[in-house]
Amino acid sequence: MPSLPLSKGGVSGSAQGLYEVCVCPSGKLFLSK
């Protein structure tokens, strides 16, 4: 899913480039560090 939106917030110190796929109650998917 190359075009998932990326959350603006994030965890400081994360340098490995790993993301987590999150699901909203409405079914929307987005990425979070």
PDB file of all heavy atoms in Angstrom:
ATOM      1  N   MET A   1       0.868  -1.175   0.000  1.00  0.00           N
ATOM      2  CA  MET A   1       0.000   0.000   0.000  1.00  0.00           C
ATOM      3  C   MET A   1       0.904   1.223   0.000  1.00  0.00           C
ATOM      4  O   MET A   1       1.167   1.819   1.055  1.00  0.00           O
ATOM      5  CB  MET A   1      -0.933  -0.013   1.221  1.00  0.00           C
ATOM      6  CG  MET A   1      -1.830  -1.233   1.282  1.00  0.00           C
ATOM      7  SD  MET A   1      -2.890  -1.240   2.744  1.00  0.00           S
ATOM      8  CE  MET A   1      -3.749  -2.786   2.552  1.00  0.00           C
ATOM      9  N   PRO A   2       1.402   1.618  -1.146  1.00  0.00           N
ATOM     10  CA  PRO A   2       2.444   2.650  -1.171  1.00  0.00           C
ATOM     11  C   PRO A   2       1.935   4.053  -0.876  1.00  0.00           C
ATOM     12  O   PRO A   2       2.740   4.935  -0.548  1.00  0.00           O
ATOM     13  CB  PRO A   2       2.975   2.554  -2.610  1.00  0.00           C
ATOM     14  CG  PRO A   2       1.852   2.022  -3.398  1.00  0.00           C
ATOM     15  CD  PRO A   2       1.102   1.091  -2.487  1.00  0.00           C
ATOM     16  N   SER A   3       0.666   4.317  -0.951  1.00  0.00           N
ATOM     17  CA  SER A   3       0.164   5.696  -0.814  1.00  0.00           C
ATOM     18  C   SER A   3      -0.613   5.908   0.468  1.00  0.00           C
ATOM     19  O   SER A   3      -1.440   6.833   0.548  1.00  0.00           O
ATOM     20  CB  SER A   3      -0.722   6.046  -2.020  1.00  0.00           C
ATOM     21  OG  SER A   3       0.004   5.967  -3.224  1.00  0.00           O
ATOM     22  N   LEU A   4      -0.382   5.097   1.503  1.00  0.00           N
ATOM     23  CA  LEU A   4      -1.059   5.330   2.777  1.00  0.00           C
ATOM     24  C   LEU A   4      -0.554   6.615   3.417  1.00  0.00           C
ATOM     25  O   LEU A   4       0.642   6.931   3.362  1.00  0.00           O
ATOM     26  CB  LEU A   4      -0.835   4.152   3.728  1.00  0.00           C
ATOM     27  CG  LEU A   4      -1.540   2.834   3.380  1.00  0.00           C
ATOM     28  CD1 LEU A   4      -1.201   1.766   4.421  1.00  0.00           C
ATOM     29  CD2 LEU A   4      -3.045   3.028   3.309  1.00  0.00           C
ATOM     30  N   PRO A   5      -1.449   7.395   4.020  1.00  0.00           N
ATOM     31  CA  PRO A   5      -0.996   8.646   4.662  1.00  0.00           C
ATOM     32  C   PRO A   5      -0.128   8.357   5.898  1.00  0.00           C
ATOM     33  O   PRO A   5      -0.352   7.379   6.617  1.00  0.00           O
ATOM     34  CB  PRO A   5      -2.311   9.341   5.035  1.00  0.00           C
ATOM     35  CG  PRO A   5      -3.307   8.232   5.136  1.00  0.00           C
ATOM     36  CD  PRO A   5      -2.906   7.206   4.123  1.00  0.00           C
ATOM     37  N   LEU A   6       0.842   9.213   6.116  1.00  0.00           N
ATOM     38  CA  LEU A   6       1.769   9.063   7.240  1.00  0.00           C
ATOM     39  C   LEU A   6       1.378  10.037   8.338  1.00  0.00           C
ATOM     40  O   LEU A   6       1.122  11.221   8.083  1.00  0.00           O
ATOM     41  CB  LEU A   6       3.209   9.332   6.796  1.00  0.00           C
ATOM     42  CG  LEU A   6       4.301   9.259   7.874  1.00  0.00           C
ATOM     43  CD1 LEU A   6       4.368   7.852   8.477  1.00  0.00           C
ATOM     44  CD2 LEU A   6       5.647   9.663   7.296  1.00  0.00           C
ATOM     45  N   SER A   7       1.286   9.520   9.536  1.00  0.00           N
ATOM     46  CA  SER A   7       0.940  10.368  10.678  1.00  0.00           C
ATOM     47  C   SER A   7       2.035  11.395  10.908  1.00  0.00           C
ATOM     48  O   SER A   7       3.228  11.109  10.747  1.00  0.00           O
ATOM     49  CB  SER A   7       0.757   9.496  11.928  1.00  0.00           C
ATOM     50  OG  SER A   7       0.522  10.294  13.059  1.00  0.00           O
ATOM     51  N   LYS A   8       1.584  12.623  11.291  1.00  0.00           N
ATOM     52  CA  LYS A   8       2.568  13.706  11.515  1.00  0.00           C
ATOM     53  C   LYS A   8       3.362  13.485  12.779  1.00  0.00           C
ATOM     54  O   LYS A   8       4.536  13.840  12.857  1.00  0.00           O
ATOM     55  CB  LYS A   8       1.838  15.046  11.585  1.00  0.00           C
ATOM     56  CG  LYS A   8       1.143  15.415  10.285  1.00  0.00           C
ATOM     57  CD  LYS A   8       0.443  16.757  10.421  1.00  0.00           C
ATOM     58  CE  LYS A   8      -0.247  17.126   9.109  1.00  0.00           C
ATOM     59  NZ  LYS A   8      -0.967  18.428   9.206  1.00  0.00           N
ATOM     60  N   GLY A   9       2.735  12.934  13.781  1.00  0.00           N
ATOM     61  CA  GLY A   9       3.447  12.673  15.016  1.00  0.00           C
ATOM     62  C   GLY A   9       4.343  11.462  14.878  1.00  0.00           C
ATOM     63  O   GLY A   9       4.292  10.715  13.902  1.00  0.00           O
ATOM     64  N   GLY A  10       5.186  11.241  15.833  1.00  0.00           N
ATOM     65  CA  GLY A  10       6.063  10.098  15.770  1.00  0.00           C
ATOM     66  C   GLY A  10       6.802   9.900  17.066  1.00  0.00           C
ATOM     67  O   GLY A  10       6.728  10.704  17.992  1.00  0.00           O
ATOM     68  N   VAL A  11       7.577   8.837  17.140  1.00  0.00           N
ATOM     69  CA  VAL A  11       8.369   8.509  18.319  1.00  0.00           C
ATOM     70  C   VAL A  11       9.788   9.002  18.106  1.00  0.00           C
ATOM     71  O   VAL A  11      10.406   8.707  17.074  1.00  0.00           O
ATOM     72  CB  VAL A  11       8.348   6.997  18.588  1.00  0.00           C
ATOM     73  CG1 VAL A  11       9.182   6.659  19.826  1.00  0.00           C
ATOM     74  CG2 VAL A  11       6.914   6.527  18.782  1.00  0.00           C
ATOM     75  N   SER A  12      10.279   9.793  19.022  1.00  0.00           N
ATOM     76  CA  SER A  12      11.641  10.315  18.877  1.00  0.00           C
ATOM     77  C   SER A  12      12.653   9.192  19.025  1.00  0.00           C
ATOM     78  O   SER A  12      12.460   8.270  19.807  1.00  0.00           O
ATOM     79  CB  SER A  12      11.892  11.401  19.937  1.00  0.00           C
ATOM     80  OG  SER A  12      11.729  10.856  21.235  1.00  0.00           O
ATOM     81  N   GLY A  13      13.676   9.288  18.257  1.00  0.00           N
ATOM     82  CA  GLY A  13      14.734   8.307  18.336  1.00  0.00           C
ATOM     83  C   GLY A  13      14.519   7.097  17.474  1.00  0.00           C
ATOM     84  O   GLY A  13      15.336   6.185  17.494  1.00  0.00           O
ATOM     85  N   SER A  14      13.433   7.074  16.671  1.00  0.00           N
ATOM     86  CA  SER A  14      13.196   5.928  15.806  1.00  0.00           C
ATOM     87  C   SER A  14      13.959   6.134  14.510  1.00  0.00           C
ATOM     88  O   SER A  14      13.632   7.027  13.722  1.00  0.00           O
ATOM     89  CB  SER A  14      11.694   5.764  15.523  1.00  0.00           C
ATOM     90  OG  SER A  14      11.498   4.724  14.622  1.00  0.00           O
ATOM     91  N   ALA A  15      14.957   5.363  14.261  1.00  0.00           N
ATOM     92  CA  ALA A  15      15.816   5.552  13.093  1.00  0.00           C
ATOM     93  C   ALA A  15      15.853   4.327  12.194  1.00  0.00           C
ATOM     94  O   ALA A  15      16.639   4.276  11.262  1.00  0.00           O
ATOM     95  CB  ALA A  15      17.238   5.895  13.546  1.00  0.00           C
ATOM     96  N   GLN A  16      15.093   3.337  12.466  1.00  0.00           N
ATOM     97  CA  GLN A  16      15.132   2.111  11.663  1.00  0.00           C
ATOM     98  C   GLN A  16      14.217   2.164  10.438  1.00  0.00           C
ATOM     99  O   GLN A  16      14.249   1.270   9.622  1.00  0.00           O
ATOM    100  CB  GLN A  16      14.748   0.913  12.550  1.00  0.00           C
ATOM    101  CG  GLN A  16      15.732   0.666  13.679  1.00  0.00           C
ATOM    102  CD  GLN A  16      15.361  -0.533  14.514  1.00  0.00           C
ATOM    103  OE1 GLN A  16      14.344  -1.169  14.252  1.00  0.00           O
ATOM    104  NE2 GLN A  16      16.171  -0.851  15.527  1.00  0.00           N
ATOM    105  N   GLY A  17      13.358   3.202  10.305  1.00  0.00           N
ATOM    106  CA  GLY A  17      12.452   3.323   9.154  1.00  0.00           C
ATOM    107  C   GLY A  17      11.326   2.327   9.172  1.00  0.00           C
ATOM    108  O   GLY A  17      10.858   1.907   8.105  1.00  0.00           O
ATOM    109  N   LEU A  18      10.896   1.932  10.354  1.00  0.00           N
ATOM    110  CA  LEU A  18       9.787   0.992  10.470  1.00  0.00           C
ATOM    111  C   LEU A  18       8.515   1.758  10.785  1.00  0.00           C
ATOM    112  O   LEU A  18       8.535   2.741  11.538  1.00  0.00           O
ATOM    113  CB  LEU A  18      10.075  -0.030  11.574  1.00  0.00           C
ATOM    114  CG  LEU A  18      11.315  -0.905  11.354  1.00  0.00           C
ATOM    115  CD1 LEU A  18      11.497  -1.853  12.545  1.00  0.00           C
ATOM    116  CD2 LEU A  18      11.196  -1.689  10.066  1.00  0.00           C
ATOM    117  N   TYR A  19       7.405   1.278  10.219  1.00  0.00           N
ATOM    118  CA  TYR A  19       6.117   1.945  10.421  1.00  0.00           C
ATOM    119  C   TYR A  19       5.088   0.911  10.832  1.00  0.00           C
ATOM    120  O   TYR A  19       5.223  -0.287  10.602  1.00  0.00           O
ATOM    121  CB  TYR A  19       5.663   2.670   9.146  1.00  0.00           C
ATOM    122  CG  TYR A  19       6.598   3.795   8.736  1.00  0.00           C
ATOM    123  CD1 TYR A  19       7.667   3.547   7.874  1.00  0.00           C
ATOM    124  CD2 TYR A  19       6.393   5.075   9.216  1.00  0.00           C
ATOM    125  CE1 TYR A  19       8.518   4.564   7.500  1.00  0.00           C
ATOM    126  CE2 TYR A  19       7.241   6.103   8.840  1.00  0.00           C
ATOM    127  CZ  TYR A  19       8.299   5.843   7.982  1.00  0.00           C
ATOM    128  OH  TYR A  19       9.144   6.857   7.622  1.00  0.00           O
ATOM    129  N   GLU A  20       4.059   1.410  11.420  1.00  0.00           N
ATOM    130  CA  GLU A  20       2.963   0.590  11.883  1.00  0.00           C
ATOM    131  C   GLU A  20       1.692   0.972  11.120  1.00  0.00           C
ATOM    132  O   GLU A  20       1.414   2.157  10.924  1.00  0.00           O
ATOM    133  CB  GLU A  20       2.747   0.804  13.380  1.00  0.00           C
ATOM    134  CG  GLU A  20       1.685  -0.078  13.991  1.00  0.00           C
ATOM    135  CD  GLU A  20       1.554   0.180  15.492  1.00  0.00           C
ATOM    136  OE1 GLU A  20       2.327   1.015  16.019  1.00  0.00           O
ATOM    137  OE2 GLU A  20       0.672  -0.440  16.113  1.00  0.00           O
ATOM    138  N   VAL A  21       0.948  -0.028  10.676  1.00  0.00           N
ATOM    139  CA  VAL A  21      -0.304   0.208   9.964  1.00  0.00           C
ATOM    140  C   VAL A  21      -1.416   0.301  11.001  1.00  0.00           C
ATOM    141  O   VAL A  21      -1.647  -0.645  11.769  1.00  0.00           O
ATOM    142  CB  VAL A  21      -0.600  -0.907   8.944  1.00  0.00           C
ATOM    143  CG1 VAL A  21      -1.934  -0.653   8.244  1.00  0.00           C
ATOM    144  CG2 VAL A  21       0.516  -0.994   7.928  1.00  0.00           C
ATOM    145  N   CYS A  22      -2.131   1.418  10.963  1.00  0.00           N
ATOM    146  CA  CYS A  22      -3.188   1.666  11.928  1.00  0.00           C
ATOM    147  C   CYS A  22      -4.528   1.765  11.215  1.00  0.00           C
ATOM    148  O   CYS A  22      -4.600   2.195  10.066  1.00  0.00           O
ATOM    149  CB  CYS A  22      -2.923   2.960  12.712  1.00  0.00           C
ATOM    150  SG  CYS A  22      -1.301   2.987  13.549  1.00  0.00           S
ATOM    151  N   VAL A  23      -5.571   1.399  11.932  1.00  0.00           N
ATOM    152  CA  VAL A  23      -6.922   1.401  11.388  1.00  0.00           C
ATOM    153  C   VAL A  23      -7.804   2.256  12.274  1.00  0.00           C
ATOM    154  O   VAL A  23      -7.841   2.070  13.499  1.00  0.00           O
ATOM    155  CB  VAL A  23      -7.500  -0.024  11.299  1.00  0.00           C
ATOM    156  CG1 VAL A  23      -8.902   0.001  10.676  1.00  0.00           C
ATOM    157  CG2 VAL A  23      -6.578  -0.924  10.512  1.00  0.00           C
ATOM    158  N   CYS A  24      -8.506   3.205  11.614  1.00  0.00           N
ATOM    159  CA  CYS A  24      -9.450   4.049  12.328  1.00  0.00           C
ATOM    160  C   CYS A  24     -10.778   3.315  12.499  1.00  0.00           C
ATOM    161  O   CYS A  24     -11.052   2.323  11.813  1.00  0.00           O
ATOM    162  CB  CYS A  24      -9.674   5.347  11.562  1.00  0.00           C
ATOM    163  SG  CYS A  24      -8.194   6.384  11.409  1.00  0.00           S
ATOM    164  N   PRO A  25     -11.636   3.779  13.391  1.00  0.00           N
ATOM    165  CA  PRO A  25     -12.967   3.168  13.515  1.00  0.00           C
ATOM    166  C   PRO A  25     -13.770   3.244  12.219  1.00  0.00           C
ATOM    167  O   PRO A  25     -14.619   2.383  11.956  1.00  0.00           O
ATOM    168  CB  PRO A  25     -13.618   3.987  14.635  1.00  0.00           C
ATOM    169  CG  PRO A  25     -12.471   4.489  15.447  1.00  0.00           C
ATOM    170  CD  PRO A  25     -11.364   4.764  14.465  1.00  0.00           C
ATOM    171  N   SER A  26     -13.504   4.235  11.400  1.00  0.00           N
ATOM    172  CA  SER A  26     -14.218   4.334  10.118  1.00  0.00           C
ATOM    173  C   SER A  26     -13.661   3.387   9.059  1.00  0.00           C
ATOM    174  O   SER A  26     -14.239   3.270   7.986  1.00  0.00           O
ATOM    175  CB  SER A  26     -14.148   5.771   9.607  1.00  0.00           C
ATOM    176  OG  SER A  26     -12.792   6.163   9.382  1.00  0.00           O
ATOM    177  N   GLY A  27     -12.535   2.722   9.358  1.00  0.00           N
ATOM    178  CA  GLY A  27     -11.907   1.828   8.401  1.00  0.00           C
ATOM    179  C   GLY A  27     -10.743   2.446   7.659  1.00  0.00           C
ATOM    180  O   GLY A  27     -10.118   1.772   6.820  1.00  0.00           O
ATOM    181  N   LYS A  28     -10.437   3.685   7.899  1.00  0.00           N
ATOM    182  CA  LYS A  28      -9.325   4.347   7.229  1.00  0.00           C
ATOM    183  C   LYS A  28      -7.995   3.793   7.733  1.00  0.00           C
ATOM    184  O   LYS A  28      -7.817   3.549   8.932  1.00  0.00           O
ATOM    185  CB  LYS A  28      -9.397   5.855   7.469  1.00  0.00           C
ATOM    186  CG  LYS A  28      -8.255   6.631   6.842  1.00  0.00           C
ATOM    187  CD  LYS A  28      -8.361   8.109   7.160  1.00  0.00           C
ATOM    188  CE  LYS A  28      -7.198   8.885   6.566  1.00  0.00           C
ATOM    189  NZ  LYS A  28      -7.273  10.327   6.877  1.00  0.00           N
ATOM    190  N   LEU A  29      -7.034   3.588   6.845  1.00  0.00           N
ATOM    191  CA  LEU A  29      -5.699   3.099   7.177  1.00  0.00           C
ATOM    192  C   LEU A  29      -4.711   4.254   7.094  1.00  0.00           C
ATOM    193  O   LEU A  29      -4.799   5.105   6.185  1.00  0.00           O
ATOM    194  CB  LEU A  29      -5.278   1.983   6.221  1.00  0.00           C
ATOM    195  CG  LEU A  29      -6.157   0.727   6.166  1.00  0.00           C
ATOM    196  CD1 LEU A  29      -5.588  -0.262   5.137  1.00  0.00           C
ATOM    197  CD2 LEU A  29      -6.251   0.075   7.523  1.00  0.00           C
ATOM    198  N   PHE A  30      -3.754   4.249   8.003  1.00  0.00           N
ATOM    199  CA  PHE A  30      -2.674   5.241   7.963  1.00  0.00           C
ATOM    200  C   PHE A  30      -1.440   4.622   8.607  1.00  0.00           C
ATOM    201  O   PHE A  30      -1.507   3.579   9.271  1.00  0.00           O
ATOM    202  CB  PHE A  30      -3.082   6.545   8.663  1.00  0.00           C
ATOM    203  CG  PHE A  30      -3.298   6.408  10.141  1.00  0.00           C
ATOM    204  CD1 PHE A  30      -2.264   6.669  11.049  1.00  0.00           C
ATOM    205  CD2 PHE A  30      -4.526   5.999  10.660  1.00  0.00           C
ATOM    206  CE1 PHE A  30      -2.455   6.527  12.410  1.00  0.00           C
ATOM    207  CE2 PHE A  30      -4.723   5.863  11.999  1.00  0.00           C
ATOM    208  CZ  PHE A  30      -3.685   6.130  12.888  1.00  0.00           C
ATOM    209  N   LEU A  31      -0.308   5.275   8.410  1.00  0.00           N
ATOM    210  CA  LEU A  31       0.975   4.790   8.916  1.00  0.00           C
ATOM    211  C   LEU A  31       1.402   5.627  10.112  1.00  0.00           C
ATOM    212  O   LEU A  31       1.191   6.847  10.146  1.00  0.00           O
ATOM    213  CB  LEU A  31       2.048   4.852   7.823  1.00  0.00           C
ATOM    214  CG  LEU A  31       1.839   3.960   6.605  1.00  0.00           C
ATOM    215  CD1 LEU A  31       2.982   4.156   5.610  1.00  0.00           C
ATOM    216  CD2 LEU A  31       1.741   2.501   7.006  1.00  0.00           C
ATOM    217  N   SER A  32       2.014   4.972  11.032  1.00  0.00           N
ATOM    218  CA  SER A  32       2.581   5.631  12.199  1.00  0.00           C
ATOM    219  C   SER A  32       3.950   5.022  12.459  1.00  0.00           C
ATOM    220  O   SER A  32       4.145   3.818  12.272  1.00  0.00           O
ATOM    221  CB  SER A  32       1.666   5.439  13.415  1.00  0.00           C
ATOM    222  OG  SER A  32       2.251   6.034  14.565  1.00  0.00           O
ATOM    223  N   LYS A  33       4.882   5.860  12.833  1.00  0.00           N
ATOM    224  CA  LYS A  33       6.223   5.354  13.110  1.00  0.00           C
ATOM    225  C   LYS A  33       6.188   4.369  14.262  1.00  0.00           C
ATOM    226  O   LYS A  33       5.560   4.612  15.286  1.00  0.00           O
ATOM    227  CB  LYS A  33       7.160   6.510  13.453  1.00  0.00           C
ATOM    228  CG  LYS A  33       7.465   7.407  12.260  1.00  0.00           C
ATOM    229  CD  LYS A  33       8.497   8.474  12.625  1.00  0.00           C
ATOM    230  CE  LYS A  33       8.822   9.320  11.397  1.00  0.00           C
ATOM    231  NZ  LYS A  33       9.823  10.372  11.727  1.00  0.00           N
TER     232      LYS A  33
END
